[in-house]
Amino acid sequence: MIEPGFEVDDLEGGRVGVVHSLYRDADGGEPAWLVAKLGRRRTKLVAVSLRNCAGAAGRVWVAHEREALLSAPLVDPTRPLLREHELAICAHYGIGEGVGRAAEVAGRPKGAVTAQPA
């Protein structure tokens, strides 16, 4: 189980941040996104699909390069994610609408809340 405070490592194993929180699917309640604090001062908050993460012993390995994480769309972990925001995040990481999380939310109504802060 991935928890807040775990260190976040990029694709090559370099430390890029820490886990801030999680988002859960608005319909089923399953964890869907990890919110990572990035940057030297840990002020940049981005979401990463939990399907692209592996966690153990207080660390999370993320299947993305540092640059992709640092240029990801920002999230506000106190607010829900809307369908369009999730699709933009998925597109940033190269997840097409027919795959994974993007496929799950693409069929939901425009403007729908698709993920809630955990």
PDB file of N, CA and C in Angstrom:
ATOM      1  N   MET A   1       0.839  -1.190   0.000  1.00  0.00           N
ATOM      2  CA  MET A   1       0.000   0.000   0.000  1.00  0.00           C
ATOM      3  C   MET A   1       0.877   1.244   0.000  1.00  0.00           C
ATOM      4  N   ILE A   2       0.635   2.122  -0.936  1.00  0.00           N
ATOM      5  CA  ILE A   2       1.373   3.376  -1.051  1.00  0.00           C
ATOM      6  C   ILE A   2       0.732   4.401  -0.125  1.00  0.00           C
ATOM      7  N   GLU A   3       1.575   5.106   0.630  1.00  0.00           N
ATOM      8  CA  GLU A   3       1.064   6.055   1.618  1.00  0.00           C
ATOM      9  C   GLU A   3       1.765   7.399   1.525  1.00  0.00           C
ATOM     10  N   PRO A   4       1.110   8.473   2.023  1.00  0.00           N
ATOM     11  CA  PRO A   4       1.759   9.780   2.068  1.00  0.00           C
ATOM     12  C   PRO A   4       3.090   9.692   2.818  1.00  0.00           C
ATOM     13  N   GLY A   5       4.068  10.440   2.302  1.00  0.00           N
ATOM     14  CA  GLY A   5       5.386  10.450   2.907  1.00  0.00           C
ATOM     15  C   GLY A   5       6.378   9.515   2.238  1.00  0.00           C
ATOM     16  N   PHE A   6       5.890   8.538   1.465  1.00  0.00           N
ATOM     17  CA  PHE A   6       6.794   7.654   0.726  1.00  0.00           C
ATOM     18  C   PHE A   6       7.614   8.506  -0.250  1.00  0.00           C
ATOM     19  N   GLU A   7       8.871   8.153  -0.453  1.00  0.00           N
ATOM     20  CA  GLU A   7       9.699   8.827  -1.434  1.00  0.00           C
ATOM     21  C   GLU A   7       9.305   8.360  -2.832  1.00  0.00           C
ATOM     22  N   VAL A   8       9.347   9.272  -3.813  1.00  0.00           N
ATOM     23  CA  VAL A   8       8.984   8.962  -5.188  1.00  0.00           C
ATOM     24  C   VAL A   8      10.247   8.972  -6.047  1.00  0.00           C
ATOM     25  N   ASP A   9      10.489   7.855  -6.740  1.00  0.00           N
ATOM     26  CA  ASP A   9      11.625   7.722  -7.648  1.00  0.00           C
ATOM     27  C   ASP A   9      11.124   7.657  -9.079  1.00  0.00           C
ATOM     28  N   ASP A  10      11.900   8.239 -10.004  1.00  0.00           N
ATOM     29  CA  ASP A  10      11.521   8.222 -11.413  1.00  0.00           C
ATOM     30  C   ASP A  10      11.916   6.904 -12.073  1.00  0.00           C
ATOM     31  N   LEU A  11      11.729   6.828 -13.371  1.00  0.00           N
ATOM     32  CA  LEU A  11      11.999   5.630 -14.159  1.00  0.00           C
ATOM     33  C   LEU A  11      13.416   5.105 -13.965  1.00  0.00           C
ATOM     34  N   GLU A  12      14.371   5.996 -13.799  1.00  0.00           N
ATOM     35  CA  GLU A  12      15.768   5.596 -13.650  1.00  0.00           C
ATOM     36  C   GLU A  12      16.188   5.419 -12.198  1.00  0.00           C
ATOM     37  N   GLY A  13      15.257   5.580 -11.264  1.00  0.00           N
ATOM     38  CA  GLY A  13      15.567   5.381  -9.857  1.00  0.00           C
ATOM     39  C   GLY A  13      16.021   6.617  -9.111  1.00  0.00           C
ATOM     40  N   GLY A  14      16.001   7.776  -9.778  1.00  0.00           N
ATOM     41  CA  GLY A  14      16.374   9.020  -9.107  1.00  0.00           C
ATOM     42  C   GLY A  14      15.223   9.581  -8.305  1.00  0.00           C
ATOM     43  N   ARG A  15      15.512  10.082  -7.119  1.00  0.00           N
ATOM     44  CA  ARG A  15      14.462  10.642  -6.264  1.00  0.00           C
ATOM     45  C   ARG A  15      13.952  11.950  -6.859  1.00  0.00           C
ATOM     46  N   VAL A  16      12.629  12.055  -6.996  1.00  0.00           N
ATOM     47  CA  VAL A  16      12.026  13.269  -7.567  1.00  0.00           C
ATOM     48  C   VAL A  16      11.038  13.946  -6.624  1.00  0.00           C
ATOM     49  N   GLY A  17      10.640  13.283  -5.559  1.00  0.00           N
ATOM     50  CA  GLY A  17       9.673  13.897  -4.657  1.00  0.00           C
ATOM     51  C   GLY A  17       9.178  12.942  -3.601  1.00  0.00           C
ATOM     52  N   VAL A  18       8.011  13.292  -3.049  1.00  0.00           N
ATOM     53  CA  VAL A  18       7.368  12.472  -2.022  1.00  0.00           C
ATOM     54  C   VAL A  18       5.878  12.365  -2.317  1.00  0.00           C
ATOM     55  N   VAL A  19       5.273  11.310  -1.823  1.00  0.00           N
ATOM     56  CA  VAL A  19       3.829  11.133  -1.978  1.00  0.00           C
ATOM     57  C   VAL A  19       3.112  12.106  -1.053  1.00  0.00           C
ATOM     58  N   HIS A  20       2.200  12.875  -1.626  1.00  0.00           N
ATOM     59  CA  HIS A  20       1.379  13.800  -0.850  1.00  0.00           C
ATOM     60  C   HIS A  20       0.067  13.136  -0.430  1.00  0.00           C
ATOM     61  N   SER A  21      -0.619  12.527  -1.406  1.00  0.00           N
ATOM     62  CA  SER A  21      -1.936  11.952  -1.134  1.00  0.00           C
ATOM     63  C   SER A  21      -2.344  11.067  -2.306  1.00  0.00           C
ATOM     64  N   LEU A  22      -3.598  10.624  -2.281  1.00  0.00           N
ATOM     65  CA  LEU A  22      -4.152   9.799  -3.352  1.00  0.00           C
ATOM     66  C   LEU A  22      -5.498  10.357  -3.783  1.00  0.00           C
ATOM     67  N   TYR A  23      -5.894   9.992  -4.999  1.00  0.00           N
ATOM     68  CA  TYR A  23      -7.250  10.224  -5.492  1.00  0.00           C
ATOM     69  C   TYR A  23      -7.909   8.860  -5.652  1.00  0.00           C
ATOM     70  N   ARG A  24      -9.208   8.804  -5.352  1.00  0.00           N
ATOM     71  CA  ARG A  24      -9.998   7.589  -5.549  1.00  0.00           C
ATOM     72  C   ARG A  24     -11.013   7.818  -6.668  1.00  0.00           C
ATOM     73  N   ASP A  25     -11.321   6.749  -7.398  1.00  0.00           N
ATOM     74  CA  ASP A  25     -12.333   6.825  -8.437  1.00  0.00           C
ATOM     75  C   ASP A  25     -13.652   7.293  -7.819  1.00  0.00           C
ATOM     76  N   ALA A  26     -14.317   8.236  -8.469  1.00  0.00           N
ATOM     77  CA  ALA A  26     -15.554   8.797  -7.935  1.00  0.00           C
ATOM     78  C   ALA A  26     -16.699   7.798  -7.944  1.00  0.00           C
ATOM     79  N   ASP A  27     -16.667   6.830  -8.835  1.00  0.00           N
ATOM     80  CA  ASP A  27     -17.748   5.847  -8.909  1.00  0.00           C
ATOM     81  C   ASP A  27     -17.503   4.641  -8.010  1.00  0.00           C
ATOM     82  N   GLY A  28     -16.353   4.013  -8.147  1.00  0.00           N
ATOM     83  CA  GLY A  28     -16.084   2.772  -7.416  1.00  0.00           C
ATOM     84  C   GLY A  28     -15.312   2.919  -6.127  1.00  0.00           C
ATOM     85  N   GLY A  29     -14.611   4.051  -5.955  1.00  0.00           N
ATOM     86  CA  GLY A  29     -13.866   4.290  -4.730  1.00  0.00           C
ATOM     87  C   GLY A  29     -12.466   3.693  -4.690  1.00  0.00           C
ATOM     88  N   GLU A  30     -12.049   2.993  -5.765  1.00  0.00           N
ATOM     89  CA  GLU A  30     -10.712   2.411  -5.768  1.00  0.00           C
ATOM     90  C   GLU A  30      -9.668   3.508  -5.946  1.00  0.00           C
ATOM     91  N   PRO A  31      -8.495   3.347  -5.336  1.00  0.00           N
ATOM     92  CA  PRO A  31      -7.415   4.319  -5.568  1.00  0.00           C
ATOM     93  C   PRO A  31      -7.063   4.360  -7.053  1.00  0.00           C
ATOM     94  N   ALA A  32      -6.911   5.570  -7.602  1.00  0.00           N
ATOM     95  CA  ALA A  32      -6.646   5.725  -9.034  1.00  0.00           C
ATOM     96  C   ALA A  32      -5.372   6.517  -9.320  1.00  0.00           C
ATOM     97  N   TRP A  33      -5.088   7.522  -8.515  1.00  0.00           N
ATOM     98  CA  TRP A  33      -3.960   8.422  -8.754  1.00  0.00           C
ATOM     99  C   TRP A  33      -3.159   8.638  -7.482  1.00  0.00           C
ATOM    100  N   LEU A  34      -1.865   8.730  -7.643  1.00  0.00           N
ATOM    101  CA  LEU A  34      -0.960   9.153  -6.587  1.00  0.00           C
ATOM    102  C   LEU A  34      -0.689  10.636  -6.838  1.00  0.00           C
ATOM    103  N   VAL A  35      -0.718  11.456  -5.806  1.00  0.00           N
ATOM    104  CA  VAL A  35      -0.347  12.861  -5.933  1.00  0.00           C
ATOM    105  C   VAL A  35       1.047  12.993  -5.350  1.00  0.00           C
ATOM    106  N   ALA A  36       1.982  13.450  -6.187  1.00  0.00           N
ATOM    107  CA  ALA A  36       3.372  13.600  -5.766  1.00  0.00           C
ATOM    108  C   ALA A  36       3.730  15.074  -5.622  1.00  0.00           C
ATOM    109  N   LYS A  37       4.499  15.378  -4.579  1.00  0.00           N
ATOM    110  CA  LYS A  37       5.086  16.713  -4.398  1.00  0.00           C
ATOM    111  C   LYS A  37       6.456  16.666  -5.038  1.00  0.00           C
ATOM    112  N   LEU A  38       6.684  17.544  -6.015  1.00  0.00           N
ATOM    113  CA  LEU A  38       7.942  17.543  -6.753  1.00  0.00           C
ATOM    114  C   LEU A  38       8.658  18.873  -6.607  1.00  0.00           C
ATOM    115  N   GLY A  39       9.890  18.895  -7.061  1.00  0.00           N
ATOM    116  CA  GLY A  39      10.688  20.112  -7.043  1.00  0.00           C
ATOM    117  C   GLY A  39      11.512  20.208  -5.778  1.00  0.00           C
ATOM    118  N   ARG A  40      12.474  21.113  -5.811  1.00  0.00           N
ATOM    119  CA  ARG A  40      13.369  21.270  -4.662  1.00  0.00           C
ATOM    120  C   ARG A  40      12.629  21.634  -3.383  1.00  0.00           C
ATOM    121  N   ARG A  41      11.608  22.450  -3.524  1.00  0.00           N
ATOM    122  CA  ARG A  41      10.844  22.872  -2.337  1.00  0.00           C
ATOM    123  C   ARG A  41       9.563  22.077  -2.150  1.00  0.00           C
ATOM    124  N   ARG A  42       9.378  21.062  -3.022  1.00  0.00           N
ATOM    125  CA  ARG A  42       8.212  20.182  -2.951  1.00  0.00           C
ATOM    126  C   ARG A  42       6.908  20.966  -3.012  1.00  0.00           C
ATOM    127  N   THR A  43       6.830  21.920  -3.936  1.00  0.00           N
ATOM    128  CA  THR A  43       5.631  22.748  -4.072  1.00  0.00           C
ATOM    129  C   THR A  43       4.797  22.382  -5.288  1.00  0.00           C
ATOM    130  N   LYS A  44       5.344  21.632  -6.227  1.00  0.00           N
ATOM    131  CA  LYS A  44       4.620  21.251  -7.439  1.00  0.00           C
ATOM    132  C   LYS A  44       3.876  19.952  -7.167  1.00  0.00           C
ATOM    133  N   LEU A  45       2.565  19.954  -7.360  1.00  0.00           N
ATOM    134  CA  LEU A  45       1.744  18.773  -7.109  1.00  0.00           C
ATOM    135  C   LEU A  45       1.212  18.229  -8.431  1.00  0.00           C
ATOM    136  N   VAL A  46       1.549  16.977  -8.728  1.00  0.00           N
ATOM    137  CA  VAL A  46       1.116  16.331  -9.965  1.00  0.00           C
ATOM    138  C   VAL A  46       0.533  14.960  -9.642  1.00  0.00           C
ATOM    139  N   ALA A  47      -0.314  14.472 -10.545  1.00  0.00           N
ATOM    140  CA  ALA A  47      -0.914  13.150 -10.380  1.00  0.00           C
ATOM    141  C   ALA A  47      -0.206  12.147 -11.284  1.00  0.00           C
ATOM    142  N   VAL A  48      -0.077  10.915 -10.790  1.00  0.00           N
ATOM    143  CA  VAL A  48       0.500   9.813 -11.547  1.00  0.00           C
ATOM    144  C   VAL A  48      -0.430   8.618 -11.363  1.00  0.00           C
ATOM    145  N   SER A  49      -0.791   7.971 -12.462  1.00  0.00           N
ATOM    146  CA  SER A  49      -1.666   6.811 -12.377  1.00  0.00           C
ATOM    147  C   SER A  49      -1.040   5.740 -11.494  1.00  0.00           C
ATOM    148  N   LEU A  50      -1.800   5.223 -10.563  1.00  0.00           N
ATOM    149  CA  LEU A  50      -1.277   4.172  -9.685  1.00  0.00           C
ATOM    150  C   LEU A  50      -0.916   2.918 -10.463  1.00  0.00           C
ATOM    151  N   ARG A  51      -1.494   2.757 -11.650  1.00  0.00           N
ATOM    152  CA  ARG A  51      -1.138   1.603 -12.487  1.00  0.00           C
ATOM    153  C   ARG A  51       0.287   1.698 -12.993  1.00  0.00           C
ATOM    154  N   ASN A  52       0.874   2.895 -12.933  1.00  0.00           N
ATOM    155  CA  ASN A  52       2.247   3.101 -13.385  1.00  0.00           C
ATOM    156  C   ASN A  52       3.210   3.255 -12.222  1.00  0.00           C
ATOM    157  N   CYS A  53       2.830   2.709 -11.060  1.00  0.00           N
ATOM    158  CA  CYS A  53       3.649   2.824  -9.855  1.00  0.00           C
ATOM    159  C   CYS A  53       3.841   1.461  -9.201  1.00  0.00           C
ATOM    160  N   ALA A  54       4.952   1.338  -8.500  1.00  0.00           N
ATOM    161  CA  ALA A  54       5.207   0.156  -7.672  1.00  0.00           C
ATOM    162  C   ALA A  54       5.777   0.662  -6.355  1.00  0.00           C
ATOM    163  N   GLY A  55       5.210   0.214  -5.252  1.00  0.00           N
ATOM    164  CA  GLY A  55       5.660   0.699  -3.956  1.00  0.00           C
ATOM    165  C   GLY A  55       6.112  -0.413  -3.030  1.00  0.00           C
ATOM    166  N   ALA A  56       7.133  -0.098  -2.228  1.00  0.00           N
ATOM    167  CA  ALA A  56       7.628  -1.026  -1.214  1.00  0.00           C
ATOM    168  C   ALA A  56       8.595  -0.285  -0.304  1.00  0.00           C
ATOM    169  N   ALA A  57       8.583  -0.658   0.952  1.00  0.00           N
ATOM    170  CA  ALA A  57       9.563  -0.169   1.931  1.00  0.00           C
ATOM    171  C   ALA A  57       9.705   1.351   1.941  1.00  0.00           C
ATOM    172  N   GLY A  58       8.574   2.057   1.936  1.00  0.00           N
ATOM    173  CA  GLY A  58       8.604   3.509   2.052  1.00  0.00           C
ATOM    174  C   GLY A  58       8.989   4.256   0.791  1.00  0.00           C
ATOM    175  N   ARG A  59       9.004   3.575  -0.357  1.00  0.00           N
ATOM    176  CA  ARG A  59       9.371   4.191  -1.634  1.00  0.00           C
ATOM    177  C   ARG A  59       8.348   3.829  -2.696  1.00  0.00           C
ATOM    178  N   VAL A  60       8.245   4.685  -3.698  1.00  0.00           N
ATOM    179  CA  VAL A  60       7.389   4.428  -4.853  1.00  0.00           C
ATOM    180  C   VAL A  60       8.230   4.645  -6.105  1.00  0.00           C
ATOM    181  N   TRP A  61       8.241   3.649  -6.966  1.00  0.00           N
ATOM    182  CA  TRP A  61       8.890   3.777  -8.263  1.00  0.00           C
ATOM    183  C   TRP A  61       7.798   4.124  -9.266  1.00  0.00           C
ATOM    184  N   VAL A  62       8.032   5.188 -10.054  1.00  0.00           N
ATOM    185  CA  VAL A  62       7.076   5.667 -11.036  1.00  0.00           C
ATOM    186  C   VAL A  62       7.648   5.406 -12.425  1.00  0.00           C
ATOM    187  N   ALA A  63       6.843   4.833 -13.315  1.00  0.00           N
ATOM    188  CA  ALA A  63       7.309   4.445 -14.647  1.00  0.00           C
ATOM    189  C   ALA A  63       7.327   5.614 -15.627  1.00  0.00           C
ATOM    190  N   HIS A  64       7.889   6.751 -15.186  1.00  0.00           N
ATOM    191  CA  HIS A  64       8.011   7.938 -16.027  1.00  0.00           C
ATOM    192  C   HIS A  64       9.355   8.599 -15.759  1.00  0.00           C
ATOM    193  N   GLU A  65       9.877   9.286 -16.761  1.00  0.00           N
ATOM    194  CA  GLU A  65      11.113  10.023 -16.591  1.00  0.00           C
ATOM    195  C   GLU A  65      10.859  11.308 -15.819  1.00  0.00           C
ATOM    196  N   ARG A  66      11.915  11.787 -15.186  1.00  0.00           N
ATOM    197  CA  ARG A  66      11.856  13.014 -14.376  1.00  0.00           C
ATOM    198  C   ARG A  66      11.203  14.167 -15.147  1.00  0.00           C
ATOM    199  N   GLU A  67      11.607  14.379 -16.403  1.00  0.00           N
ATOM    200  CA  GLU A  67      11.083  15.502 -17.190  1.00  0.00           C
ATOM    201  C   GLU A  67       9.574  15.395 -17.395  1.00  0.00           C
ATOM    202  N   ALA A  68       9.084  14.175 -17.631  1.00  0.00           N
ATOM    203  CA  ALA A  68       7.639  13.979 -17.813  1.00  0.00           C
ATOM    204  C   ALA A  68       6.888  14.310 -16.533  1.00  0.00           C
ATOM    205  N   LEU A  69       7.449  13.948 -15.404  1.00  0.00           N
ATOM    206  CA  LEU A  69       6.806  14.254 -14.119  1.00  0.00           C
ATOM    207  C   LEU A  69       6.799  15.759 -13.865  1.00  0.00           C
ATOM    208  N   LEU A  70       7.948  16.398 -14.070  1.00  0.00           N
ATOM    209  CA  LEU A  70       8.049  17.827 -13.793  1.00  0.00           C
ATOM    210  C   LEU A  70       7.204  18.687 -14.728  1.00  0.00           C
ATOM    211  N   SER A  71       6.896  18.177 -15.926  1.00  0.00           N
ATOM    212  CA  SER A  71       6.080  18.955 -16.870  1.00  0.00           C
ATOM    213  C   SER A  71       4.612  18.526 -16.875  1.00  0.00           C
ATOM    214  N   ALA A  72       4.232  17.645 -15.962  1.00  0.00           N
ATOM    215  CA  ALA A  72       2.852  17.155 -15.893  1.00  0.00           C
ATOM    216  C   ALA A  72       1.888  18.265 -15.465  1.00  0.00           C
ATOM    217  N   PRO A  73       0.622  18.153 -15.872  1.00  0.00           N
ATOM    218  CA  PRO A  73      -0.380  19.123 -15.417  1.00  0.00           C
ATOM    219  C   PRO A  73      -0.484  19.135 -13.893  1.00  0.00           C
ATOM    220  N   LEU A  74      -0.641  20.298 -13.329  1.00  0.00           N
ATOM    221  CA  LEU A  74      -0.767  20.440 -11.877  1.00  0.00           C
ATOM    222  C   LEU A  74      -2.143  20.001 -11.401  1.00  0.00           C
ATOM    223  N   VAL A  75      -2.207  19.551 -10.151  1.00  0.00           N
ATOM    224  CA  VAL A  75      -3.477  19.215  -9.518  1.00  0.00           C
ATOM    225  C   VAL A  75      -3.565  19.917  -8.172  1.00  0.00           C
ATOM    226  N   ASP A  76      -4.782  20.117  -7.708  1.00  0.00           N
ATOM    227  CA  ASP A  76      -5.048  20.633  -6.367  1.00  0.00           C
ATOM    228  C   ASP A  76      -5.658  19.475  -5.594  1.00  0.00           C
ATOM    229  N   PRO A  77      -4.891  18.830  -4.712  1.00  0.00           N
ATOM    230  CA  PRO A  77      -5.371  17.623  -4.045  1.00  0.00           C
ATOM    231  C   PRO A  77      -6.525  17.837  -3.073  1.00  0.00           C
ATOM    232  N   THR A  78      -6.981  19.072  -2.927  1.00  0.00           N
ATOM    233  CA  THR A  78      -8.159  19.328  -2.093  1.00  0.00           C
ATOM    234  C   THR A  78      -9.431  19.365  -2.931  1.00  0.00           C
ATOM    235  N   ARG A  79      -9.273  19.305  -4.256  1.00  0.00           N
ATOM    236  CA  ARG A  79     -10.421  19.387  -5.166  1.00  0.00           C
ATOM    237  C   ARG A  79     -10.524  18.118  -5.995  1.00  0.00           C
ATOM    238  N   PRO A  80     -11.740  17.744  -6.402  1.00  0.00           N
ATOM    239  CA  PRO A  80     -11.900  16.562  -7.247  1.00  0.00           C
ATOM    240  C   PRO A  80     -11.342  16.798  -8.648  1.00  0.00           C
ATOM    241  N   LEU A  81     -11.067  15.705  -9.344  1.00  0.00           N
ATOM    242  CA  LEU A  81     -10.648  15.770 -10.745  1.00  0.00           C
ATOM    243  C   LEU A  81     -11.872  15.600 -11.633  1.00  0.00           C
ATOM    244  N   LEU A  82     -11.952  16.405 -12.662  1.00  0.00           N
ATOM    245  CA  LEU A  82     -13.011  16.279 -13.654  1.00  0.00           C
ATOM    246  C   LEU A  82     -12.522  15.411 -14.806  1.00  0.00           C
ATOM    247  N   ARG A  83     -13.469  14.883 -15.553  1.00  0.00           N
ATOM    248  CA  ARG A  83     -13.167  14.021 -16.699  1.00  0.00           C
ATOM    249  C   ARG A  83     -12.109  14.636 -17.603  1.00  0.00           C
ATOM    250  N   GLU A  84     -12.276  15.901 -17.969  1.00  0.00           N
ATOM    251  CA  GLU A  84     -11.368  16.555 -18.900  1.00  0.00           C
ATOM    252  C   GLU A  84      -9.955  16.683 -18.338  1.00  0.00           C
ATOM    253  N   HIS A  85      -9.849  16.961 -17.044  1.00  0.00           N
ATOM    254  CA  HIS A  85      -8.530  17.078 -16.418  1.00  0.00           C
ATOM    255  C   HIS A  85      -7.839  15.716 -16.397  1.00  0.00           C
ATOM    256  N   GLU A  86      -8.575  14.674 -16.052  1.00  0.00           N
ATOM    257  CA  GLU A  86      -7.980  13.336 -16.055  1.00  0.00           C
ATOM    258  C   GLU A  86      -7.510  12.943 -17.449  1.00  0.00           C
ATOM    259  N   LEU A  87      -8.317  13.236 -18.465  1.00  0.00           N
ATOM    260  CA  LEU A  87      -7.911  12.899 -19.830  1.00  0.00           C
ATOM    261  C   LEU A  87      -6.670  13.679 -20.245  1.00  0.00           C
ATOM    262  N   ALA A  88      -6.548  14.932 -19.802  1.00  0.00           N
ATOM    263  CA  ALA A  88      -5.353  15.727 -20.111  1.00  0.00           C
ATOM    264  C   ALA A  88      -4.122  15.140 -19.423  1.00  0.00           C
ATOM    265  N   ILE A  89      -4.282  14.691 -18.188  1.00  0.00           N
ATOM    266  CA  ILE A  89      -3.166  14.066 -17.465  1.00  0.00           C
ATOM    267  C   ILE A  89      -2.758  12.778 -18.166  1.00  0.00           C
ATOM    268  N   CYS A  90      -3.743  11.970 -18.516  1.00  0.00           N
ATOM    269  CA  CYS A  90      -3.452  10.723 -19.229  1.00  0.00           C
ATOM    270  C   CYS A  90      -2.721  11.003 -20.537  1.00  0.00           C
ATOM    271  N   ALA A  91      -3.201  11.974 -21.301  1.00  0.00           N
ATOM    272  CA  ALA A  91      -2.571  12.315 -22.577  1.00  0.00           C
ATOM    273  C   ALA A  91      -1.128  12.758 -22.371  1.00  0.00           C
ATOM    274  N   HIS A  92      -0.885  13.506 -21.312  1.00  0.00           N
ATOM    275  CA  HIS A  92       0.485  13.955 -21.022  1.00  0.00           C
ATOM    276  C   HIS A  92       1.435  12.765 -20.875  1.00  0.00           C
ATOM    277  N   TYR A  93       0.970  11.704 -20.225  1.00  0.00           N
ATOM    278  CA  TYR A  93       1.798  10.515 -20.012  1.00  0.00           C
ATOM    279  C   TYR A  93       1.704   9.522 -21.178  1.00  0.00           C
ATOM    280  N   GLY A  94       0.993   9.887 -22.236  1.00  0.00           N
ATOM    281  CA  GLY A  94       0.900   9.017 -23.405  1.00  0.00           C
ATOM    282  C   GLY A  94      -0.112   7.894 -23.267  1.00  0.00           C
ATOM    283  N   ILE A  95      -1.075   8.061 -22.371  1.00  0.00           N
ATOM    284  CA  ILE A  95      -2.126   7.055 -22.167  1.00  0.00           C
ATOM    285  C   ILE A  95      -3.324   7.469 -23.026  1.00  0.00           C
ATOM    286  N   GLY A  96      -3.557   6.749 -24.121  1.00  0.00           N
ATOM    287  CA  GLY A  96      -4.649   7.065 -25.038  1.00  0.00           C
ATOM    288  C   GLY A  96      -6.010   6.754 -24.451  1.00  0.00           C
ATOM    289  N   GLU A  97      -7.071   7.334 -25.036  1.00  0.00           N
ATOM    290  CA  GLU A  97      -8.423   7.176 -24.498  1.00  0.00           C
ATOM    291  C   GLU A  97      -8.948   5.750 -24.527  1.00  0.00           C
ATOM    292  N   GLY A  98      -8.293   4.865 -25.244  1.00  0.00           N
ATOM    293  CA  GLY A  98      -8.747   3.481 -25.285  1.00  0.00           C
ATOM    294  C   GLY A  98      -8.014   2.578 -24.315  1.00  0.00           C
ATOM    295  N   VAL A  99      -7.184   3.156 -23.434  1.00  0.00           N
ATOM    296  CA  VAL A  99      -6.324   2.357 -22.563  1.00  0.00           C
ATOM    297  C   VAL A  99      -6.448   2.792 -21.104  1.00  0.00           C
ATOM    298  N   GLY A 100      -6.405   1.836 -20.193  1.00  0.00           N
ATOM    299  CA  GLY A 100      -6.296   2.110 -18.758  1.00  0.00           C
ATOM    300  C   GLY A 100      -7.293   3.108 -18.211  1.00  0.00           C
ATOM    301  N   ARG A 101      -6.768   4.016 -17.386  1.00  0.00           N
ATOM    302  CA  ARG A 101      -7.614   5.003 -16.717  1.00  0.00           C
ATOM    303  C   ARG A 101      -8.341   5.890 -17.724  1.00  0.00           C
ATOM    304  N   ALA A 102      -7.676   6.241 -18.805  1.00  0.00           N
ATOM    305  CA  ALA A 102      -8.321   7.094 -19.816  1.00  0.00           C
ATOM    306  C   ALA A 102      -9.563   6.416 -20.378  1.00  0.00           C
ATOM    307  N   ALA A 103      -9.481   5.113 -20.625  1.00  0.00           N
ATOM    308  CA  ALA A 103     -10.640   4.376 -21.144  1.00  0.00           C
ATOM    309  C   ALA A 103     -11.766   4.355 -20.121  1.00  0.00           C
ATOM    310  N   GLU A 104     -11.413   4.298 -18.835  1.00  0.00           N
ATOM    311  CA  GLU A 104     -12.437   4.271 -17.785  1.00  0.00           C
ATOM    312  C   GLU A 104     -13.225   5.567 -17.711  1.00  0.00           C
ATOM    313  N   VAL A 105     -12.548   6.706 -17.903  1.00  0.00           N
ATOM    314  CA  VAL A 105     -13.231   7.989 -17.730  1.00  0.00           C
ATOM    315  C   VAL A 105     -13.726   8.608 -19.031  1.00  0.00           C
ATOM    316  N   ALA A 106     -13.223   8.166 -20.178  1.00  0.00           N
ATOM    317  CA  ALA A 106     -13.592   8.768 -21.465  1.00  0.00           C
ATOM    318  C   ALA A 106     -15.092   8.687 -21.742  1.00  0.00           C
ATOM    319  N   GLY A 107     -15.744   7.633 -21.293  1.00  0.00           N
ATOM    320  CA  GLY A 107     -17.167   7.465 -21.553  1.00  0.00           C
ATOM    321  C   GLY A 107     -18.079   8.180 -20.569  1.00  0.00           C
ATOM    322  N   ARG A 108     -17.503   8.779 -19.560  1.00  0.00           N
ATOM    323  CA  ARG A 108     -18.332   9.508 -18.580  1.00  0.00           C
ATOM    324  C   ARG A 108     -18.714  10.867 -19.148  1.00  0.00           C
ATOM    325  N   PRO A 109     -19.779  11.459 -18.630  1.00  0.00           N
ATOM    326  CA  PRO A 109     -20.253  12.741 -19.170  1.00  0.00           C
ATOM    327  C   PRO A 109     -19.216  13.856 -19.045  1.00  0.00           C
ATOM    328  N   LYS A 110     -19.228  14.777 -20.008  1.00  0.00           N
ATOM    329  CA  LYS A 110     -18.343  15.940 -19.938  1.00  0.00           C
ATOM    330  C   LYS A 110     -18.601  16.707 -18.651  1.00  0.00           C
ATOM    331  N   GLY A 111     -17.532  17.130 -18.009  1.00  0.00           N
ATOM    332  CA  GLY A 111     -17.644  17.882 -16.758  1.00  0.00           C
ATOM    333  C   GLY A 111     -17.885  17.033 -15.530  1.00  0.00           C
ATOM    334  N   ALA A 112     -17.971  15.711 -15.713  1.00  0.00           N
ATOM    335  CA  ALA A 112     -18.227  14.833 -14.568  1.00  0.00           C
ATOM    336  C   ALA A 112     -17.034  14.750 -13.639  1.00  0.00           C
ATOM    337  N   VAL A 113     -17.298  14.659 -12.348  1.00  0.00           N
ATOM    338  CA  VAL A 113     -16.245  14.383 -11.368  1.00  0.00           C
ATOM    339  C   VAL A 113     -15.898  12.915 -11.507  1.00  0.00           C
ATOM    340  N   THR A 114     -14.628  12.628 -11.757  1.00  0.00           N
ATOM    341  CA  THR A 114     -14.195  11.258 -11.982  1.00  0.00           C
ATOM    342  C   THR A 114     -13.302  10.722 -10.877  1.00  0.00           C
ATOM    343  N   ALA A 115     -12.698  11.601 -10.090  1.00  0.00           N
ATOM    344  CA  ALA A 115     -11.839  11.174  -8.976  1.00  0.00           C
ATOM    345  C   ALA A 115     -11.968  12.149  -7.827  1.00  0.00           C
ATOM    346  N   GLN A 116     -11.969  11.614  -6.615  1.00  0.00           N
ATOM    347  CA  GLN A 116     -12.105  12.422  -5.398  1.00  0.00           C
ATOM    348  C   GLN A 116     -10.848  12.296  -4.546  1.00  0.00           C
ATOM    349  N   PRO A 117     -10.471  13.367  -3.848  1.00  0.00           N
ATOM    350  CA  PRO A 117      -9.325  13.243  -2.927  1.00  0.00           C
ATOM    351  C   PRO A 117      -9.605  12.148  -1.901  1.00  0.00           C
ATOM    352  N   ALA A 118      -8.587  11.358  -1.602  1.00  0.00           N
ATOM    353  CA  ALA A 118      -8.755  10.265  -0.624  1.00  0.00           C
ATOM    354  C   ALA A 118      -8.597  10.800   0.781  1.00  0.00           C
TER     355      ALA A 118
END
